[in-house]
Amino acid sequence: MDNVSPIQIVSDALALAEKKASLPARDLLVRGVLAGGVLAYATSMVFVALAQGVLPIVGAIIFPIGFVILVLLGLELATGNFALLPAAVLAKRISASDMLRNWSWVYLGNLLGSVAYAVLFIWTLTSFGANNGGPAGELIRAAAMKKTTAYAALGAAGWATAFVKAILCNWMVTVGAILALASKSTIGKITGMWLPIMMFFAMGYEHSIVNMFVMPAGMMAGAPVSAMDWIVWNQIPVTLGNILGGALLTGAALWYTYGVKSSAPVAAVVESAVAGDPVAVR
């Protein structure tokens, strides 16, 4: 059977979280850098596609390529870890300090990888400043402004909007990370990840790691956005929202309903019921 039951998915997720928490800082940083770069690569591909006049939904369809690559390679993405590690803390499989250590190194690595790719991408897009980047450059500048100065113009309401968009974003991003464990086949894993990632991107929600590429790229392309605009009006509220959405709506919720079992027999009955065993549900 290719399908994995929800109870087993959560069990595997907890084991994965333990493994992630035990990785040395060197590996967390390197895998974080690579993950940030891969996700930035996929984001830049969306801008290039949209610059060709395709419908926005096309961008949402192709964006999950980056997420799929980084998950299949076992790289480290902070937004996914915002769900996996809190669940392991609740299950007492790792400590809170283990979780914060992982988040810190991975977040730093994601930032370094995203910004490094942004520099390389803008260099090539503008031929090292010889032009303004054409339609793709204009889209990147507009996106950077939409994600910062547009929120700033709304004041507290703008900050809150970014925060809530980030909660909704990472609910689906972390569902995608969990669904990578829902199948034993590669194609099954890809399909499971693709759907929720496509959903969040199509809705225009806020992803802190994606924004680590969009804002630096936009500023280098000439968007009237400062580093303070980026940090105050996007990176802080979006990171906090991503943490809350992932930790609460996915990590804690799935751990509570599938990870907390009073006894092995009860777990076996519930698992059989989920699998559709008529005997188990009588």
C-alpha atoms as a PDB file:
ATOM      1  CA  MET A   1       0.000   0.000   0.000  1.00  0.00           C
ATOM      2  CA  ASP A   2       1.339   3.419  -1.006  1.00  0.00           C
ATOM      3  CA  ASN A   3      -0.894   5.397   1.355  1.00  0.00           C
ATOM      4  CA  VAL A   4       0.215   6.157   4.924  1.00  0.00           C
ATOM      5  CA  SER A   5      -2.384   6.625   7.669  1.00  0.00           C
ATOM      6  CA  PRO A   6      -2.624   9.957   9.541  1.00  0.00           C
ATOM      7  CA  ILE A   7      -1.466   8.337  12.776  1.00  0.00           C
ATOM      8  CA  GLN A   8       1.641   6.969  11.087  1.00  0.00           C
ATOM      9  CA  ILE A   9       2.230  10.318   9.334  1.00  0.00           C
ATOM     10  CA  VAL A  10       2.333  12.110  12.674  1.00  0.00           C
ATOM     11  CA  SER A  11       4.568   9.417  14.157  1.00  0.00           C
ATOM     12  CA  ASP A  12       6.964   9.784  11.240  1.00  0.00           C
ATOM     13  CA  ALA A  13       6.806  13.579  11.549  1.00  0.00           C
ATOM     14  CA  LEU A  14       7.850  13.387  15.201  1.00  0.00           C
ATOM     15  CA  ALA A  15      10.754  11.106  14.333  1.00  0.00           C
ATOM     16  CA  LEU A  16      11.787  13.507  11.562  1.00  0.00           C
ATOM     17  CA  ALA A  17      11.634  16.422  13.985  1.00  0.00           C
ATOM     18  CA  GLU A  18      13.947  14.569  16.378  1.00  0.00           C
ATOM     19  CA  LYS A  19      16.402  14.017  13.539  1.00  0.00           C
ATOM     20  CA  LYS A  20      16.282  17.673  12.540  1.00  0.00           C
ATOM     21  CA  ALA A  21      16.836  18.792  16.133  1.00  0.00           C
ATOM     22  CA  SER A  22      19.951  16.619  16.423  1.00  0.00           C
ATOM     23  CA  LEU A  23      21.678  17.926  13.286  1.00  0.00           C
ATOM     24  CA  PRO A  24      24.909  19.893  13.869  1.00  0.00           C
ATOM     25  CA  ALA A  25      24.833  23.638  13.200  1.00  0.00           C
ATOM     26  CA  ARG A  26      27.009  23.166  10.111  1.00  0.00           C
ATOM     27  CA  ASP A  27      24.422  20.930   8.436  1.00  0.00           C
ATOM     28  CA  LEU A  28      21.505  23.128   9.466  1.00  0.00           C
ATOM     29  CA  LEU A  29      23.221  26.155   7.973  1.00  0.00           C
ATOM     30  CA  VAL A  30      24.289  24.505   4.711  1.00  0.00           C
ATOM     31  CA  ARG A  31      20.921  22.834   4.158  1.00  0.00           C
ATOM     32  CA  GLY A  32      19.209  26.102   5.067  1.00  0.00           C
ATOM     33  CA  VAL A  33      21.268  28.045   2.534  1.00  0.00           C
ATOM     34  CA  LEU A  34      20.446  25.543  -0.199  1.00  0.00           C
ATOM     35  CA  ALA A  35      16.744  25.538   0.673  1.00  0.00           C
ATOM     36  CA  GLY A  36      16.593  29.329   0.583  1.00  0.00           C
ATOM     37  CA  GLY A  37      18.319  29.372  -2.783  1.00  0.00           C
ATOM     38  CA  VAL A  38      16.079  26.705  -4.294  1.00  0.00           C
ATOM     39  CA  LEU A  39      12.898  28.425  -3.118  1.00  0.00           C
ATOM     40  CA  ALA A  40      14.177  31.765  -4.428  1.00  0.00           C
ATOM     41  CA  TYR A  41      14.940  30.085  -7.753  1.00  0.00           C
ATOM     42  CA  ALA A  42      11.332  28.874  -8.000  1.00  0.00           C
ATOM     43  CA  THR A  43      10.029  32.319  -7.052  1.00  0.00           C
ATOM     44  CA  SER A  44      12.117  33.993  -9.743  1.00  0.00           C
ATOM     45  CA  MET A  45      10.735  31.506 -12.255  1.00  0.00           C
ATOM     46  CA  VAL A  46       7.225  32.676 -11.355  1.00  0.00           C
ATOM     47  CA  PHE A  47       8.153  36.300 -12.078  1.00  0.00           C
ATOM     48  CA  VAL A  48       9.712  35.332 -15.402  1.00  0.00           C
ATOM     49  CA  ALA A  49       6.584  33.382 -16.346  1.00  0.00           C
ATOM     50  CA  LEU A  50       4.212  36.196 -15.335  1.00  0.00           C
ATOM     51  CA  ALA A  51       6.304  38.660 -17.343  1.00  0.00           C
ATOM     52  CA  GLN A  52       5.314  36.655 -20.418  1.00  0.00           C
ATOM     53  CA  GLY A  53       1.672  37.533 -19.879  1.00  0.00           C
ATOM     54  CA  VAL A  54       0.331  34.265 -18.471  1.00  0.00           C
ATOM     55  CA  LEU A  55      -2.504  34.175 -15.935  1.00  0.00           C
ATOM     56  CA  PRO A  56      -1.409  34.504 -12.271  1.00  0.00           C
ATOM     57  CA  ILE A  57      -2.705  31.008 -11.526  1.00  0.00           C
ATOM     58  CA  VAL A  58       0.099  29.670 -13.744  1.00  0.00           C
ATOM     59  CA  GLY A  59       2.605  31.094 -11.277  1.00  0.00           C
ATOM     60  CA  ALA A  60       0.878  29.249  -8.445  1.00  0.00           C
ATOM     61  CA  ILE A  61       0.955  26.008 -10.417  1.00  0.00           C
ATOM     62  CA  ILE A  62       4.709  26.142 -11.075  1.00  0.00           C
ATOM     63  CA  PHE A  63       5.912  27.595  -7.731  1.00  0.00           C
ATOM     64  CA  PRO A  64       5.701  24.282  -5.776  1.00  0.00           C
ATOM     65  CA  ILE A  65       8.589  22.947  -7.878  1.00  0.00           C
ATOM     66  CA  GLY A  66      11.020  24.618  -5.477  1.00  0.00           C
ATOM     67  CA  PHE A  67       9.336  23.203  -2.369  1.00  0.00           C
ATOM     68  CA  VAL A  68       9.276  19.701  -3.841  1.00  0.00           C
ATOM     69  CA  ILE A  69      12.995  19.829  -4.700  1.00  0.00           C
ATOM     70  CA  LEU A  70      14.099  21.002  -1.274  1.00  0.00           C
ATOM     71  CA  VAL A  71      11.946  18.464   0.592  1.00  0.00           C
ATOM     72  CA  LEU A  72      13.031  15.522  -1.558  1.00  0.00           C
ATOM     73  CA  LEU A  73      16.669  16.536  -0.995  1.00  0.00           C
ATOM     74  CA  GLY A  74      16.150  16.691   2.772  1.00  0.00           C
ATOM     75  CA  LEU A  75      17.016  20.393   2.978  1.00  0.00           C
ATOM     76  CA  GLU A  76      15.982  22.652   5.837  1.00  0.00           C
ATOM     77  CA  LEU A  77      13.179  25.212   5.488  1.00  0.00           C
ATOM     78  CA  ALA A  78      12.285  27.246   8.557  1.00  0.00           C
ATOM     79  CA  THR A  79       8.579  27.500   7.734  1.00  0.00           C
ATOM     80  CA  GLY A  80       8.166  23.723   7.643  1.00  0.00           C
ATOM     81  CA  ASN A  81      10.126  23.387  10.877  1.00  0.00           C
ATOM     82  CA  PHE A  82       7.731  25.872  12.501  1.00  0.00           C
ATOM     83  CA  ALA A  83       5.246  22.970  12.629  1.00  0.00           C
ATOM     84  CA  LEU A  84       7.376  19.849  12.945  1.00  0.00           C
ATOM     85  CA  LEU A  85       9.489  20.883  15.907  1.00  0.00           C
ATOM     86  CA  PRO A  86       6.717  22.355  18.121  1.00  0.00           C
ATOM     87  CA  ALA A  87       4.857  19.050  17.758  1.00  0.00           C
ATOM     88  CA  ALA A  88       7.966  17.206  18.942  1.00  0.00           C
ATOM     89  CA  VAL A  89       8.258  19.587  21.895  1.00  0.00           C
ATOM     90  CA  LEU A  90       4.636  18.875  22.851  1.00  0.00           C
ATOM     91  CA  ALA A  91       5.355  15.156  22.572  1.00  0.00           C
ATOM     92  CA  LYS A  92       8.435  15.661  24.782  1.00  0.00           C
ATOM     93  CA  ARG A  93      10.680  14.206  22.103  1.00  0.00           C
ATOM     94  CA  ILE A  94      12.887  17.332  21.995  1.00  0.00           C
ATOM     95  CA  SER A  95      13.355  20.382  24.204  1.00  0.00           C
ATOM     96  CA  ALA A  96      12.299  23.952  23.510  1.00  0.00           C
ATOM     97  CA  SER A  97      15.969  24.937  23.314  1.00  0.00           C
ATOM     98  CA  ASP A  98      16.517  22.246  20.659  1.00  0.00           C
ATOM     99  CA  MET A  99      13.660  23.745  18.667  1.00  0.00           C
ATOM    100  CA  LEU A 100      14.933  27.321  18.933  1.00  0.00           C
ATOM    101  CA  ARG A 101      18.445  26.227  17.996  1.00  0.00           C
ATOM    102  CA  ASN A 102      17.145  24.572  14.830  1.00  0.00           C
ATOM    103  CA  TRP A 103      14.947  27.532  13.919  1.00  0.00           C
ATOM    104  CA  SER A 104      17.773  30.027  14.389  1.00  0.00           C
ATOM    105  CA  TRP A 105      20.351  28.265  12.222  1.00  0.00           C
ATOM    106  CA  VAL A 106      17.855  27.304   9.521  1.00  0.00           C
ATOM    107  CA  TYR A 107      16.312  30.790   9.376  1.00  0.00           C
ATOM    108  CA  LEU A 108      19.794  32.302   9.019  1.00  0.00           C
ATOM    109  CA  GLY A 109      20.684  29.801   6.311  1.00  0.00           C
ATOM    110  CA  ASN A 110      17.432  30.478   4.435  1.00  0.00           C
ATOM    111  CA  LEU A 111      18.166  34.215   4.571  1.00  0.00           C
ATOM    112  CA  LEU A 112      21.715  33.822   3.260  1.00  0.00           C
ATOM    113  CA  GLY A 113      20.646  31.524   0.444  1.00  0.00           C
ATOM    114  CA  SER A 114      17.708  33.687  -0.590  1.00  0.00           C
ATOM    115  CA  VAL A 115      19.696  36.930  -0.654  1.00  0.00           C
ATOM    116  CA  ALA A 116      22.632  35.312  -2.466  1.00  0.00           C
ATOM    117  CA  TYR A 117      20.321  34.047  -5.191  1.00  0.00           C
ATOM    118  CA  ALA A 118      18.580  37.444  -5.372  1.00  0.00           C
ATOM    119  CA  VAL A 119      21.927  39.113  -6.101  1.00  0.00           C
ATOM    120  CA  LEU A 120      22.789  36.641  -8.845  1.00  0.00           C
ATOM    121  CA  PHE A 121      19.297  36.822 -10.368  1.00  0.00           C
ATOM    122  CA  ILE A 122      19.196  40.625 -10.503  1.00  0.00           C
ATOM    123  CA  TRP A 123      22.686  40.732 -11.980  1.00  0.00           C
ATOM    124  CA  THR A 124      21.566  38.499 -14.822  1.00  0.00           C
ATOM    125  CA  LEU A 125      18.132  40.100 -15.220  1.00  0.00           C
ATOM    126  CA  THR A 126      19.554  43.610 -15.528  1.00  0.00           C
ATOM    127  CA  SER A 127      22.856  42.627 -17.217  1.00  0.00           C
ATOM    128  CA  PHE A 128      24.723  43.969 -14.169  1.00  0.00           C
ATOM    129  CA  GLY A 129      22.688  47.182 -14.088  1.00  0.00           C
ATOM    130  CA  ALA A 130      22.750  47.919 -17.806  1.00  0.00           C
ATOM    131  CA  ASN A 131      18.927  47.848 -17.959  1.00  0.00           C
ATOM    132  CA  ASN A 132      15.938  47.853 -15.577  1.00  0.00           C
ATOM    133  CA  GLY A 133      15.114  44.165 -15.934  1.00  0.00           C
ATOM    134  CA  GLY A 134      12.220  44.630 -18.350  1.00  0.00           C
ATOM    135  CA  PRO A 135       8.748  43.276 -17.481  1.00  0.00           C
ATOM    136  CA  ALA A 136      10.112  40.822 -14.905  1.00  0.00           C
ATOM    137  CA  GLY A 137      12.001  43.615 -13.165  1.00  0.00           C
ATOM    138  CA  GLU A 138       8.863  45.732 -13.035  1.00  0.00           C
ATOM    139  CA  LEU A 139       6.891  42.882 -11.489  1.00  0.00           C
ATOM    140  CA  ILE A 140       9.556  42.333  -8.829  1.00  0.00           C
ATOM    141  CA  ARG A 141       9.644  46.035  -7.943  1.00  0.00           C
ATOM    142  CA  ALA A 142       5.855  46.109  -7.693  1.00  0.00           C
ATOM    143  CA  ALA A 143       5.808  42.986  -5.501  1.00  0.00           C
ATOM    144  CA  ALA A 144       8.389  44.440  -3.100  1.00  0.00           C
ATOM    145  CA  MET A 145       6.329  47.609  -2.732  1.00  0.00           C
ATOM    146  CA  LYS A 146       3.058  45.709  -2.324  1.00  0.00           C
ATOM    147  CA  LYS A 147       4.586  43.670   0.496  1.00  0.00           C
ATOM    148  CA  THR A 148       6.064  46.645   2.389  1.00  0.00           C
ATOM    149  CA  THR A 149       5.095  50.248   1.650  1.00  0.00           C
ATOM    150  CA  ALA A 150       1.521  49.260   0.819  1.00  0.00           C
ATOM    151  CA  TYR A 151       1.188  47.740   4.304  1.00  0.00           C
ATOM    152  CA  ALA A 152       2.951  50.732   5.862  1.00  0.00           C
ATOM    153  CA  ALA A 153       0.382  53.075   4.283  1.00  0.00           C
ATOM    154  CA  LEU A 154      -2.331  51.251   6.239  1.00  0.00           C
ATOM    155  CA  GLY A 155      -0.498  51.510   9.562  1.00  0.00           C
ATOM    156  CA  ALA A 156      -1.527  48.964  12.192  1.00  0.00           C
ATOM    157  CA  ALA A 157      -4.102  47.468   9.850  1.00  0.00           C
ATOM    158  CA  GLY A 158      -1.368  46.802   7.286  1.00  0.00           C
ATOM    159  CA  TRP A 159       0.878  45.123   9.866  1.00  0.00           C
ATOM    160  CA  ALA A 160      -2.056  42.978  11.025  1.00  0.00           C
ATOM    161  CA  THR A 161      -2.921  42.083   7.432  1.00  0.00           C
ATOM    162  CA  ALA A 162       0.608  40.811   6.800  1.00  0.00           C
ATOM    163  CA  PHE A 163       0.466  38.851  10.070  1.00  0.00           C
ATOM    164  CA  VAL A 164      -2.835  37.117   9.267  1.00  0.00           C
ATOM    165  CA  LYS A 165      -1.786  36.398   5.677  1.00  0.00           C
ATOM    166  CA  ALA A 166       1.308  34.731   7.124  1.00  0.00           C
ATOM    167  CA  ILE A 167      -0.771  32.551   9.457  1.00  0.00           C
ATOM    168  CA  LEU A 168      -2.913  31.363   6.556  1.00  0.00           C
ATOM    169  CA  CYS A 169       0.149  30.861   4.366  1.00  0.00           C
ATOM    170  CA  ASN A 170       2.035  28.610   6.734  1.00  0.00           C
ATOM    171  CA  TRP A 171      -1.015  26.554   7.562  1.00  0.00           C
ATOM    172  CA  MET A 172      -0.873  25.222   3.993  1.00  0.00           C
ATOM    173  CA  VAL A 173       2.929  25.230   3.728  1.00  0.00           C
ATOM    174  CA  THR A 174       3.210  23.007   6.787  1.00  0.00           C
ATOM    175  CA  VAL A 175       0.378  20.792   5.560  1.00  0.00           C
ATOM    176  CA  GLY A 176       2.525  20.345   2.452  1.00  0.00           C
ATOM    177  CA  ALA A 177       5.514  19.400   4.612  1.00  0.00           C
ATOM    178  CA  ILE A 178       3.398  16.844   6.484  1.00  0.00           C
ATOM    179  CA  LEU A 179       1.892  15.415   3.290  1.00  0.00           C
ATOM    180  CA  ALA A 180       5.398  14.634   2.085  1.00  0.00           C
ATOM    181  CA  LEU A 181       5.109  11.777   4.580  1.00  0.00           C
ATOM    182  CA  ALA A 182       1.660  10.647   3.375  1.00  0.00           C
ATOM    183  CA  SER A 183       2.991   8.403   0.625  1.00  0.00           C
ATOM    184  CA  LYS A 184       5.780   5.884   0.202  1.00  0.00           C
ATOM    185  CA  SER A 185       6.264   6.708  -3.475  1.00  0.00           C
ATOM    186  CA  THR A 186       8.046   9.740  -4.887  1.00  0.00           C
ATOM    187  CA  ILE A 187       5.136  10.686  -7.158  1.00  0.00           C
ATOM    188  CA  GLY A 188       2.733  10.388  -4.229  1.00  0.00           C
ATOM    189  CA  LYS A 189       4.922  12.666  -2.109  1.00  0.00           C
ATOM    190  CA  ILE A 190       5.146  15.216  -4.933  1.00  0.00           C
ATOM    191  CA  THR A 191       1.374  15.280  -5.426  1.00  0.00           C
ATOM    192  CA  GLY A 192       0.725  15.615  -1.702  1.00  0.00           C
ATOM    193  CA  MET A 193       3.126  18.547  -1.398  1.00  0.00           C
ATOM    194  CA  TRP A 194       2.048  20.286  -4.597  1.00  0.00           C
ATOM    195  CA  LEU A 195      -1.603  20.886  -3.742  1.00  0.00           C
ATOM    196  CA  PRO A 196      -1.412  22.927  -0.506  1.00  0.00           C
ATOM    197  CA  ILE A 197       1.645  24.881  -1.694  1.00  0.00           C
ATOM    198  CA  MET A 198      -0.185  25.849  -4.875  1.00  0.00           C
ATOM    199  CA  MET A 199      -3.182  26.944  -2.779  1.00  0.00           C
ATOM    200  CA  PHE A 200      -1.290  29.368  -0.541  1.00  0.00           C
ATOM    201  CA  PHE A 201       0.602  30.918  -3.449  1.00  0.00           C
ATOM    202  CA  ALA A 202      -2.553  31.382  -5.519  1.00  0.00           C
ATOM    203  CA  MET A 203      -4.184  33.200  -2.598  1.00  0.00           C
ATOM    204  CA  GLY A 204      -1.344  35.713  -2.346  1.00  0.00           C
ATOM    205  CA  TYR A 205      -0.484  34.929   1.263  1.00  0.00           C
ATOM    206  CA  GLU A 206       2.812  35.835   2.945  1.00  0.00           C
ATOM    207  CA  HIS A 207       5.782  33.457   3.242  1.00  0.00           C
ATOM    208  CA  SER A 208       8.779  34.737   5.204  1.00  0.00           C
ATOM    209  CA  ILE A 209      11.385  32.791   3.230  1.00  0.00           C
ATOM    210  CA  VAL A 210       9.946  33.712  -0.175  1.00  0.00           C
ATOM    211  CA  ASN A 211      10.060  37.337   0.963  1.00  0.00           C
ATOM    212  CA  MET A 212      13.755  36.980   1.785  1.00  0.00           C
ATOM    213  CA  PHE A 213      14.186  36.834  -1.996  1.00  0.00           C
ATOM    214  CA  VAL A 214      11.440  39.209  -3.153  1.00  0.00           C
ATOM    215  CA  MET A 215      12.405  42.194  -1.018  1.00  0.00           C
ATOM    216  CA  PRO A 216      16.187  42.192  -1.636  1.00  0.00           C
ATOM    217  CA  ALA A 217      15.590  41.520  -5.342  1.00  0.00           C
ATOM    218  CA  GLY A 218      13.051  44.334  -5.520  1.00  0.00           C
ATOM    219  CA  MET A 219      15.343  46.780  -3.771  1.00  0.00           C
ATOM    220  CA  MET A 220      18.299  45.871  -5.998  1.00  0.00           C
ATOM    221  CA  ALA A 221      16.015  46.317  -9.022  1.00  0.00           C
ATOM    222  CA  GLY A 222      15.204  49.860  -7.888  1.00  0.00           C
ATOM    223  CA  ALA A 223      12.046  49.576  -5.798  1.00  0.00           C
ATOM    224  CA  PRO A 224      11.689  52.530  -3.355  1.00  0.00           C
ATOM    225  CA  VAL A 225      11.801  50.204  -0.360  1.00  0.00           C
ATOM    226  CA  SER A 226      14.255  50.472   2.531  1.00  0.00           C
ATOM    227  CA  ALA A 227      15.676  47.693   4.671  1.00  0.00           C
ATOM    228  CA  MET A 228      13.640  49.056   7.579  1.00  0.00           C
ATOM    229  CA  ASP A 229      10.440  48.900   5.487  1.00  0.00           C
ATOM    230  CA  TRP A 230      11.202  45.264   4.753  1.00  0.00           C
ATOM    231  CA  ILE A 231      11.952  44.313   8.355  1.00  0.00           C
ATOM    232  CA  VAL A 232       9.180  46.254  10.142  1.00  0.00           C
ATOM    233  CA  TRP A 233       6.310  45.924   7.688  1.00  0.00           C
ATOM    234  CA  ASN A 234       6.962  42.441   6.360  1.00  0.00           C
ATOM    235  CA  GLN A 235       9.676  40.231   7.801  1.00  0.00           C
ATOM    236  CA  ILE A 236       8.681  40.618  11.455  1.00  0.00           C
ATOM    237  CA  PRO A 237       4.888  40.228  11.138  1.00  0.00           C
ATOM    238  CA  VAL A 238       5.225  37.523   8.491  1.00  0.00           C
ATOM    239  CA  THR A 239       7.729  35.473  10.469  1.00  0.00           C
ATOM    240  CA  LEU A 240       5.558  35.688  13.589  1.00  0.00           C
ATOM    241  CA  GLY A 241       2.468  34.734  11.601  1.00  0.00           C
ATOM    242  CA  ASN A 242       4.264  31.835   9.935  1.00  0.00           C
ATOM    243  CA  ILE A 243       5.338  30.534  13.348  1.00  0.00           C
ATOM    244  CA  LEU A 244       1.829  30.765  14.784  1.00  0.00           C
ATOM    245  CA  GLY A 245       0.147  29.237  11.749  1.00  0.00           C
ATOM    246  CA  GLY A 246       2.559  26.331  11.486  1.00  0.00           C
ATOM    247  CA  ALA A 247       2.906  25.594  15.204  1.00  0.00           C
ATOM    248  CA  LEU A 248      -0.791  25.867  16.072  1.00  0.00           C
ATOM    249  CA  LEU A 249      -2.849  24.919  13.012  1.00  0.00           C
ATOM    250  CA  THR A 250      -0.633  22.041  11.882  1.00  0.00           C
ATOM    251  CA  GLY A 251       1.932  20.992  14.477  1.00  0.00           C
ATOM    252  CA  ALA A 252      -0.108  21.199  17.679  1.00  0.00           C
ATOM    253  CA  ALA A 253      -3.450  20.328  16.058  1.00  0.00           C
ATOM    254  CA  LEU A 254      -2.262  17.153  14.320  1.00  0.00           C
ATOM    255  CA  TRP A 255      -0.206  16.075  17.334  1.00  0.00           C
ATOM    256  CA  TYR A 256      -3.237  16.521  19.600  1.00  0.00           C
ATOM    257  CA  THR A 257      -5.657  14.550  17.464  1.00  0.00           C
ATOM    258  CA  TYR A 258      -3.307  11.839  16.122  1.00  0.00           C
ATOM    259  CA  GLY A 259      -0.207  11.880  18.296  1.00  0.00           C
ATOM    260  CA  VAL A 260      -1.839  11.672  21.712  1.00  0.00           C
ATOM    261  CA  LYS A 261      -3.074   8.119  22.306  1.00  0.00           C
ATOM    262  CA  SER A 262      -3.768   6.673  25.733  1.00  0.00           C
ATOM    263  CA  SER A 263      -2.860   3.112  24.752  1.00  0.00           C
ATOM    264  CA  ALA A 264      -1.559   1.069  21.837  1.00  0.00           C
ATOM    265  CA  PRO A 265      -4.825  -0.875  21.397  1.00  0.00           C
ATOM    266  CA  VAL A 266      -6.807   2.351  21.120  1.00  0.00           C
ATOM    267  CA  ALA A 267      -4.349   3.670  18.565  1.00  0.00           C
ATOM    268  CA  ALA A 268      -4.667   0.494  16.533  1.00  0.00           C
ATOM    269  CA  VAL A 269      -8.468   0.720  16.519  1.00  0.00           C
ATOM    270  CA  VAL A 270      -8.430   4.358  15.465  1.00  0.00           C
ATOM    271  CA  GLU A 271      -5.890   3.649  12.751  1.00  0.00           C
ATOM    272  CA  SER A 272      -8.051   0.831  11.416  1.00  0.00           C
ATOM    273  CA  ALA A 273     -11.084   3.101  11.437  1.00  0.00           C
ATOM    274  CA  VAL A 274      -9.205   5.747   9.446  1.00  0.00           C
ATOM    275  CA  ALA A 275      -8.208   3.057   6.965  1.00  0.00           C
ATOM    276  CA  GLY A 276     -11.865   2.123   6.534  1.00  0.00           C
ATOM    277  CA  ASP A 277     -11.973  -1.200   8.455  1.00  0.00           C
ATOM    278  CA  PRO A 278     -15.700  -1.856   9.135  1.00  0.00           C
ATOM    279  CA  VAL A 279     -14.891  -4.029  12.136  1.00  0.00           C
ATOM    280  CA  ALA A 280     -13.039  -1.181  13.833  1.00  0.00           C
ATOM    281  CA  VAL A 281     -15.909   1.275  13.553  1.00  0.00           C
ATOM    282  CA  ARG A 282     -18.732  -0.897  14.889  1.00  0.00           C
END
